[in-house]
Amino acid sequence: MEGFDLHQWRQIVLKRVARICQEPEPAARLLEELQRISSEAGKILREDSADRSLIDCGPGCGSCCVVNVSTLIPEGIAIARYLHPLEEVPRRIVTEKLELLWCEIRGLDDEERGLMQRCCAFLDENNCCLIYPVRPLLCRSITSVDARQCREALARKVFGEEKPVLMHQFQQQLYECLFTGVAEGLKEEGIDGRGFQLSGLVRFLLNHPDREQDLFAGHRLSWEELY
């Protein structure tokens, strides 16, 4: 969007997150702030003059859902809380898919994960996202004008070839800016602001809901805990 100051907005988000983290029990307010930030970003994109009719993404298209997604701890907690109220059977299915996927992809870098071509554990039988309302900021950043082009680009990576994918550049920059702002706001107040692989983080939080308080108190997750 012409004239939009990404740096300034990142600083605003950073300060808002840091201020909430100073509260005695910041968890609920921080999760509300994540939703507010996402809603504000959606409004900014709707006001953008770029033609969004060219974007080919939609329900049932999981072409890009085979890559590592860096996820912040509050985002992971929001997803775990969103999944908790599910009925026993669908929740068990998601948990089992998470366990299987994590066993296959843990420790893989972005390129290796792409080569595996394993779909995200949060896609249902219709290839729709089960956690769409609380999906990570970086999931929201990716778009494409051609779903087939996405699949082709990912397939060519297997052979070491790079094929560019046309996407909504401002949307990508906007959500990456938000991700950085939230991460820096957490770090400023001594909370772990690192990004973790989506599947591993949510799996850990579903298995250890009692650890939320520790994480908001500044505990840093180790690889051994996620493993």
C-alpha atoms as a PDB file:
ATOM      1  CA  MET A   1       0.000   0.000   0.000  1.00  0.00           C
ATOM      2  CA  GLU A   2       1.489   3.315  -1.078  1.00  0.00           C
ATOM      3  CA  GLY A   3       2.506   5.522   1.827  1.00  0.00           C
ATOM      4  CA  PHE A   4       1.935   2.908   4.513  1.00  0.00           C
ATOM      5  CA  ASP A   5       4.728   2.978   7.109  1.00  0.00           C
ATOM      6  CA  LEU A   6       5.462  -0.656   7.992  1.00  0.00           C
ATOM      7  CA  HIS A   7       8.268   0.280  10.374  1.00  0.00           C
ATOM      8  CA  GLN A   8       6.017   2.606  12.341  1.00  0.00           C
ATOM      9  CA  TRP A   9       3.288   0.007  12.621  1.00  0.00           C
ATOM     10  CA  ARG A  10       5.788  -2.616  13.790  1.00  0.00           C
ATOM     11  CA  GLN A  11       6.868  -0.232  16.553  1.00  0.00           C
ATOM     12  CA  ILE A  12       3.247   0.369  17.566  1.00  0.00           C
ATOM     13  CA  VAL A  13       2.633  -3.387  17.790  1.00  0.00           C
ATOM     14  CA  LEU A  14       5.888  -3.893  19.705  1.00  0.00           C
ATOM     15  CA  LYS A  15       4.889  -1.298  22.320  1.00  0.00           C
ATOM     16  CA  ARG A  16       1.359  -2.639  22.680  1.00  0.00           C
ATOM     17  CA  VAL A  17       2.593  -6.194  23.205  1.00  0.00           C
ATOM     18  CA  ALA A  18       5.341  -5.104  25.617  1.00  0.00           C
ATOM     19  CA  ARG A  19       2.845  -3.056  27.657  1.00  0.00           C
ATOM     20  CA  ILE A  20       0.482  -6.035  27.993  1.00  0.00           C
ATOM     21  CA  CYS A  21       3.375  -8.287  29.015  1.00  0.00           C
ATOM     22  CA  GLN A  22       3.997  -5.982  31.987  1.00  0.00           C
ATOM     23  CA  GLU A  23       0.598  -6.864  33.461  1.00  0.00           C
ATOM     24  CA  PRO A  24       0.478  -9.414  36.327  1.00  0.00           C
ATOM     25  CA  GLU A  25      -1.336 -12.073  34.250  1.00  0.00           C
ATOM     26  CA  PRO A  26      -0.928 -11.126  30.593  1.00  0.00           C
ATOM     27  CA  ALA A  27      -2.089 -14.351  28.887  1.00  0.00           C
ATOM     28  CA  ALA A  28      -5.745 -13.503  28.154  1.00  0.00           C
ATOM     29  CA  ARG A  29      -5.012  -9.901  27.167  1.00  0.00           C
ATOM     30  CA  LEU A  30      -2.143 -10.960  24.919  1.00  0.00           C
ATOM     31  CA  LEU A  31      -4.315 -13.462  23.058  1.00  0.00           C
ATOM     32  CA  GLU A  32      -6.983 -10.778  22.633  1.00  0.00           C
ATOM     33  CA  GLU A  33      -4.308  -8.442  21.282  1.00  0.00           C
ATOM     34  CA  LEU A  34      -3.226 -11.034  18.715  1.00  0.00           C
ATOM     35  CA  GLN A  35      -6.795 -11.226  17.435  1.00  0.00           C
ATOM     36  CA  ARG A  36      -7.048  -7.438  17.394  1.00  0.00           C
ATOM     37  CA  ILE A  37      -3.806  -7.114  15.434  1.00  0.00           C
ATOM     38  CA  SER A  38      -4.989  -9.677  12.886  1.00  0.00           C
ATOM     39  CA  SER A  39      -8.322  -7.887  12.505  1.00  0.00           C
ATOM     40  CA  GLU A  40      -6.585  -4.544  12.011  1.00  0.00           C
ATOM     41  CA  ALA A  41      -4.340  -6.080   9.363  1.00  0.00           C
ATOM     42  CA  GLY A  42      -7.377  -7.488   7.562  1.00  0.00           C
ATOM     43  CA  LYS A  43      -8.981  -4.043   7.536  1.00  0.00           C
ATOM     44  CA  ILE A  44      -5.795  -2.457   6.148  1.00  0.00           C
ATOM     45  CA  LEU A  45      -5.710  -5.035   3.353  1.00  0.00           C
ATOM     46  CA  ARG A  46      -9.383  -4.442   2.501  1.00  0.00           C
ATOM     47  CA  GLU A  47      -8.604  -0.745   2.150  1.00  0.00           C
ATOM     48  CA  ASP A  48      -5.605  -1.435  -0.081  1.00  0.00           C
ATOM     49  CA  SER A  49      -6.152  -0.367  -3.689  1.00  0.00           C
ATOM     50  CA  ALA A  50      -4.471  -3.476  -5.123  1.00  0.00           C
ATOM     51  CA  ASP A  51      -6.756  -5.854  -7.063  1.00  0.00           C
ATOM     52  CA  ARG A  52      -7.294  -8.830  -4.747  1.00  0.00           C
ATOM     53  CA  SER A  53      -9.523 -10.606  -7.272  1.00  0.00           C
ATOM     54  CA  LEU A  54      -6.344 -12.032  -8.806  1.00  0.00           C
ATOM     55  CA  ILE A  55      -5.512 -14.025  -5.663  1.00  0.00           C
ATOM     56  CA  ASP A  56      -6.258 -17.709  -6.235  1.00  0.00           C
ATOM     57  CA  CYS A  57      -6.168 -18.841  -2.580  1.00  0.00           C
ATOM     58  CA  GLY A  58      -9.360 -20.196  -1.058  1.00  0.00           C
ATOM     59  CA  PRO A  59     -11.002 -23.034   0.909  1.00  0.00           C
ATOM     60  CA  GLY A  60      -9.755 -26.428  -0.225  1.00  0.00           C
ATOM     61  CA  CYS A  61      -6.436 -25.177  -1.594  1.00  0.00           C
ATOM     62  CA  GLY A  62      -3.627 -26.478   0.602  1.00  0.00           C
ATOM     63  CA  SER A  63      -0.851 -26.119  -1.965  1.00  0.00           C
ATOM     64  CA  CYS A  64       1.450 -24.145   0.334  1.00  0.00           C
ATOM     65  CA  CYS A  65       0.540 -26.107   3.495  1.00  0.00           C
ATOM     66  CA  VAL A  66       3.580 -28.366   3.201  1.00  0.00           C
ATOM     67  CA  VAL A  67       6.201 -25.932   4.493  1.00  0.00           C
ATOM     68  CA  ASN A  68       7.573 -25.027   7.920  1.00  0.00           C
ATOM     69  CA  VAL A  69       5.642 -22.184   9.547  1.00  0.00           C
ATOM     70  CA  SER A  70       7.430 -20.176  12.221  1.00  0.00           C
ATOM     71  CA  THR A  71       4.962 -19.704  15.092  1.00  0.00           C
ATOM     72  CA  LEU A  72       5.269 -17.561  18.219  1.00  0.00           C
ATOM     73  CA  ILE A  73       4.366 -18.991  21.627  1.00  0.00           C
ATOM     74  CA  PRO A  74       1.207 -16.844  22.070  1.00  0.00           C
ATOM     75  CA  GLU A  75       0.060 -17.964  18.617  1.00  0.00           C
ATOM     76  CA  GLY A  76       0.627 -21.591  19.585  1.00  0.00           C
ATOM     77  CA  ILE A  77      -1.314 -21.108  22.824  1.00  0.00           C
ATOM     78  CA  ALA A  78      -4.200 -19.495  20.917  1.00  0.00           C
ATOM     79  CA  ILE A  79      -4.331 -22.517  18.590  1.00  0.00           C
ATOM     80  CA  ALA A  80      -4.145 -25.048  21.447  1.00  0.00           C
ATOM     81  CA  ARG A  81      -6.965 -23.263  23.297  1.00  0.00           C
ATOM     82  CA  TYR A  82      -9.015 -23.167  20.102  1.00  0.00           C
ATOM     83  CA  LEU A  83      -8.635 -26.953  19.738  1.00  0.00           C
ATOM     84  CA  HIS A  84      -9.361 -27.871  23.374  1.00  0.00           C
ATOM     85  CA  PRO A  85     -13.177 -27.510  23.135  1.00  0.00           C
ATOM     86  CA  LEU A  86     -13.389 -29.868  20.136  1.00  0.00           C
ATOM     87  CA  GLU A  87     -15.350 -33.056  20.669  1.00  0.00           C
ATOM     88  CA  GLU A  88     -13.276 -36.072  21.672  1.00  0.00           C
ATOM     89  CA  VAL A  89     -13.133 -37.804  18.283  1.00  0.00           C
ATOM     90  CA  PRO A  90     -12.096 -34.845  16.065  1.00  0.00           C
ATOM     91  CA  ARG A  91      -9.634 -33.676  18.692  1.00  0.00           C
ATOM     92  CA  ARG A  92      -8.072 -37.135  18.895  1.00  0.00           C
ATOM     93  CA  ILE A  93      -7.755 -37.220  15.097  1.00  0.00           C
ATOM     94  CA  VAL A  94      -5.917 -33.864  15.118  1.00  0.00           C
ATOM     95  CA  THR A  95      -3.667 -35.007  17.971  1.00  0.00           C
ATOM     96  CA  GLU A  96      -2.785 -38.235  16.190  1.00  0.00           C
ATOM     97  CA  LYS A  97      -2.035 -36.362  12.953  1.00  0.00           C
ATOM     98  CA  LEU A  98       0.200 -33.957  14.890  1.00  0.00           C
ATOM     99  CA  GLU A  99       2.110 -36.825  16.499  1.00  0.00           C
ATOM    100  CA  LEU A 100       2.664 -38.568  13.178  1.00  0.00           C
ATOM    101  CA  LEU A 101       3.674 -35.395  11.339  1.00  0.00           C
ATOM    102  CA  TRP A 102       6.036 -34.268  14.084  1.00  0.00           C
ATOM    103  CA  CYS A 103       7.785 -37.655  14.074  1.00  0.00           C
ATOM    104  CA  GLU A 104       8.396 -37.214  10.340  1.00  0.00           C
ATOM    105  CA  ILE A 105       9.475 -33.569  10.162  1.00  0.00           C
ATOM    106  CA  ARG A 106      11.103 -32.681  13.493  1.00  0.00           C
ATOM    107  CA  GLY A 107      14.619 -31.394  12.960  1.00  0.00           C
ATOM    108  CA  LEU A 108      14.109 -30.757   9.236  1.00  0.00           C
ATOM    109  CA  ASP A 109      15.049 -27.363   7.812  1.00  0.00           C
ATOM    110  CA  ASP A 110      12.743 -25.484   5.436  1.00  0.00           C
ATOM    111  CA  GLU A 111      14.121 -27.090   2.291  1.00  0.00           C
ATOM    112  CA  GLU A 112      14.019 -30.608   3.733  1.00  0.00           C
ATOM    113  CA  ARG A 113      10.454 -30.101   4.958  1.00  0.00           C
ATOM    114  CA  GLY A 114       9.403 -28.941   1.497  1.00  0.00           C
ATOM    115  CA  LEU A 115      10.894 -32.048  -0.059  1.00  0.00           C
ATOM    116  CA  MET A 116       8.871 -34.245   2.311  1.00  0.00           C
ATOM    117  CA  GLN A 117       5.593 -32.862   0.898  1.00  0.00           C
ATOM    118  CA  ARG A 118       3.722 -33.691   4.130  1.00  0.00           C
ATOM    119  CA  CYS A 119       0.523 -31.709   4.537  1.00  0.00           C
ATOM    120  CA  CYS A 120      -0.168 -29.633   7.635  1.00  0.00           C
ATOM    121  CA  ALA A 121      -1.884 -31.604  10.409  1.00  0.00           C
ATOM    122  CA  PHE A 122      -4.595 -28.946  10.595  1.00  0.00           C
ATOM    123  CA  LEU A 123      -6.010 -29.617   7.124  1.00  0.00           C
ATOM    124  CA  ASP A 124      -9.269 -31.559   7.191  1.00  0.00           C
ATOM    125  CA  GLU A 125     -10.488 -34.146   4.667  1.00  0.00           C
ATOM    126  CA  ASN A 126     -11.590 -31.320   2.360  1.00  0.00           C
ATOM    127  CA  ASN A 127      -8.192 -29.613   2.540  1.00  0.00           C
ATOM    128  CA  CYS A 128      -9.667 -26.784   4.613  1.00  0.00           C
ATOM    129  CA  CYS A 129      -7.856 -25.235   7.570  1.00  0.00           C
ATOM    130  CA  LEU A 130      -9.256 -26.373  10.938  1.00  0.00           C
ATOM    131  CA  ILE A 131      -7.610 -23.474  12.772  1.00  0.00           C
ATOM    132  CA  TYR A 132      -8.315 -20.748  10.215  1.00  0.00           C
ATOM    133  CA  PRO A 133      -9.585 -18.101  12.698  1.00  0.00           C
ATOM    134  CA  VAL A 134      -6.405 -18.435  14.801  1.00  0.00           C
ATOM    135  CA  ARG A 135      -3.888 -19.418  12.132  1.00  0.00           C
ATOM    136  CA  PRO A 136      -0.371 -17.968  12.572  1.00  0.00           C
ATOM    137  CA  LEU A 137       0.535 -14.544  11.219  1.00  0.00           C
ATOM    138  CA  LEU A 138       2.977 -16.048   8.719  1.00  0.00           C
ATOM    139  CA  CYS A 139       0.262 -18.359   7.358  1.00  0.00           C
ATOM    140  CA  ARG A 140      -1.758 -15.207   6.699  1.00  0.00           C
ATOM    141  CA  SER A 141       1.158 -13.627   4.851  1.00  0.00           C
ATOM    142  CA  ILE A 142       1.240 -16.079   1.927  1.00  0.00           C
ATOM    143  CA  THR A 143      -0.921 -15.664  -1.167  1.00  0.00           C
ATOM    144  CA  SER A 144      -0.692 -16.717  -4.790  1.00  0.00           C
ATOM    145  CA  VAL A 145      -2.273 -15.646  -8.068  1.00  0.00           C
ATOM    146  CA  ASP A 146      -2.148 -19.254  -9.280  1.00  0.00           C
ATOM    147  CA  ALA A 147      -2.521 -22.348  -7.071  1.00  0.00           C
ATOM    148  CA  ARG A 148      -1.159 -24.564  -9.833  1.00  0.00           C
ATOM    149  CA  GLN A 149       1.932 -22.363  -9.955  1.00  0.00           C
ATOM    150  CA  CYS A 150       2.431 -22.976  -6.222  1.00  0.00           C
ATOM    151  CA  ARG A 151       2.319 -26.735  -6.670  1.00  0.00           C
ATOM    152  CA  GLU A 152       4.693 -26.560  -9.619  1.00  0.00           C
ATOM    153  CA  ALA A 153       7.167 -24.374  -7.719  1.00  0.00           C
ATOM    154  CA  LEU A 154       7.178 -26.780  -4.769  1.00  0.00           C
ATOM    155  CA  ALA A 155       7.594 -29.773  -7.081  1.00  0.00           C
ATOM    156  CA  ARG A 156      10.547 -28.172  -8.870  1.00  0.00           C
ATOM    157  CA  LYS A 157      12.277 -27.596  -5.538  1.00  0.00           C
ATOM    158  CA  VAL A 158      12.677 -31.367  -5.314  1.00  0.00           C
ATOM    159  CA  PHE A 159      14.991 -31.128  -8.335  1.00  0.00           C
ATOM    160  CA  GLY A 160      16.808 -28.075  -7.045  1.00  0.00           C
ATOM    161  CA  GLU A 161      14.994 -25.675  -9.377  1.00  0.00           C
ATOM    162  CA  GLU A 162      13.588 -22.340  -8.254  1.00  0.00           C
ATOM    163  CA  LYS A 163      10.352 -21.053  -9.751  1.00  0.00           C
ATOM    164  CA  PRO A 164       8.999 -17.696  -8.504  1.00  0.00           C
ATOM    165  CA  VAL A 165       5.430 -17.528  -7.206  1.00  0.00           C
ATOM    166  CA  LEU A 166       3.554 -14.269  -7.766  1.00  0.00           C
ATOM    167  CA  MET A 167       1.852 -13.111  -4.582  1.00  0.00           C
ATOM    168  CA  HIS A 168       0.366 -10.056  -2.871  1.00  0.00           C
ATOM    169  CA  GLN A 169       3.610  -8.404  -1.812  1.00  0.00           C
ATOM    170  CA  PHE A 170       2.095  -5.862   0.576  1.00  0.00           C
ATOM    171  CA  GLN A 171       0.166  -8.591   2.414  1.00  0.00           C
ATOM    172  CA  GLN A 172       3.367 -10.568   2.863  1.00  0.00           C
ATOM    173  CA  GLN A 173       5.263  -7.532   4.155  1.00  0.00           C
ATOM    174  CA  LEU A 174       2.414  -6.518   6.463  1.00  0.00           C
ATOM    175  CA  TYR A 175       2.136  -9.836   8.304  1.00  0.00           C
ATOM    176  CA  GLU A 176       5.900 -10.337   8.466  1.00  0.00           C
ATOM    177  CA  CYS A 177       6.098  -6.867  10.018  1.00  0.00           C
ATOM    178  CA  LEU A 178       3.452  -7.855  12.590  1.00  0.00           C
ATOM    179  CA  PHE A 179       5.247 -11.105  13.392  1.00  0.00           C
ATOM    180  CA  THR A 180       8.460  -9.186  14.048  1.00  0.00           C
ATOM    181  CA  GLY A 181       6.670  -6.572  16.161  1.00  0.00           C
ATOM    182  CA  VAL A 182       5.019  -9.179  18.380  1.00  0.00           C
ATOM    183  CA  ALA A 183       8.274 -11.142  18.720  1.00  0.00           C
ATOM    184  CA  GLU A 184      10.252  -8.039  19.694  1.00  0.00           C
ATOM    185  CA  GLY A 185       7.566  -6.951  22.162  1.00  0.00           C
ATOM    186  CA  LEU A 186       7.764 -10.323  23.892  1.00  0.00           C
ATOM    187  CA  LYS A 187      11.555 -10.261  24.006  1.00  0.00           C
ATOM    188  CA  GLU A 188      11.575  -6.740  25.423  1.00  0.00           C
ATOM    189  CA  GLU A 189       9.707  -8.022  28.479  1.00  0.00           C
ATOM    190  CA  GLY A 190      11.746 -11.198  28.927  1.00  0.00           C
ATOM    191  CA  ILE A 191       9.278 -13.600  27.274  1.00  0.00           C
ATOM    192  CA  ASP A 192      10.525 -16.113  24.711  1.00  0.00           C
ATOM    193  CA  GLY A 193       9.996 -14.410  21.358  1.00  0.00           C
ATOM    194  CA  ARG A 194      11.485 -17.105  19.157  1.00  0.00           C
ATOM    195  CA  GLY A 195       9.483 -18.714  16.374  1.00  0.00           C
ATOM    196  CA  PHE A 196       8.890 -22.461  16.597  1.00  0.00           C
ATOM    197  CA  GLN A 197       7.742 -24.974  14.011  1.00  0.00           C
ATOM    198  CA  LEU A 198       3.934 -24.912  14.098  1.00  0.00           C
ATOM    199  CA  SER A 199       3.328 -28.645  14.530  1.00  0.00           C
ATOM    200  CA  GLY A 200       5.928 -29.123  17.261  1.00  0.00           C
ATOM    201  CA  LEU A 201       4.817 -26.113  19.295  1.00  0.00           C
ATOM    202  CA  VAL A 202       1.087 -26.890  19.216  1.00  0.00           C
ATOM    203  CA  ARG A 203       1.744 -30.575  19.944  1.00  0.00           C
ATOM    204  CA  PHE A 204       3.736 -29.578  23.042  1.00  0.00           C
ATOM    205  CA  LEU A 205       1.050 -27.146  24.238  1.00  0.00           C
ATOM    206  CA  LEU A 206      -1.763 -29.663  23.756  1.00  0.00           C
ATOM    207  CA  ASN A 207       0.196 -32.220  25.766  1.00  0.00           C
ATOM    208  CA  HIS A 208       1.250 -29.709  28.443  1.00  0.00           C
ATOM    209  CA  PRO A 209      -1.509 -27.093  28.932  1.00  0.00           C
ATOM    210  CA  ASP A 210      -0.173 -26.537  32.455  1.00  0.00           C
ATOM    211  CA  ARG A 211       3.017 -25.022  31.013  1.00  0.00           C
ATOM    212  CA  GLU A 212       1.337 -21.871  29.659  1.00  0.00           C
ATOM    213  CA  GLN A 213       2.017 -19.900  32.837  1.00  0.00           C
ATOM    214  CA  ASP A 214       5.711 -20.844  32.781  1.00  0.00           C
ATOM    215  CA  LEU A 215       6.036 -19.669  29.186  1.00  0.00           C
ATOM    216  CA  PHE A 216       4.431 -16.311  29.948  1.00  0.00           C
ATOM    217  CA  ALA A 217       6.767 -16.042  32.935  1.00  0.00           C
ATOM    218  CA  GLY A 218       9.826 -16.193  30.656  1.00  0.00           C
ATOM    219  CA  HIS A 219      10.644 -19.923  30.485  1.00  0.00           C
ATOM    220  CA  ARG A 220      12.513 -20.727  27.256  1.00  0.00           C
ATOM    221  CA  LEU A 221      11.461 -23.914  25.527  1.00  0.00           C
ATOM    222  CA  SER A 222      14.263 -26.342  24.766  1.00  0.00           C
ATOM    223  CA  TRP A 223      14.549 -28.761  21.855  1.00  0.00           C
ATOM    224  CA  GLU A 224      14.377 -31.654  24.314  1.00  0.00           C
ATOM    225  CA  GLU A 225      10.975 -30.466  25.568  1.00  0.00           C
ATOM    226  CA  LEU A 226       9.574 -30.201  22.056  1.00  0.00           C
ATOM    227  CA  TYR A 227      11.072 -33.519  20.978  1.00  0.00           C
END
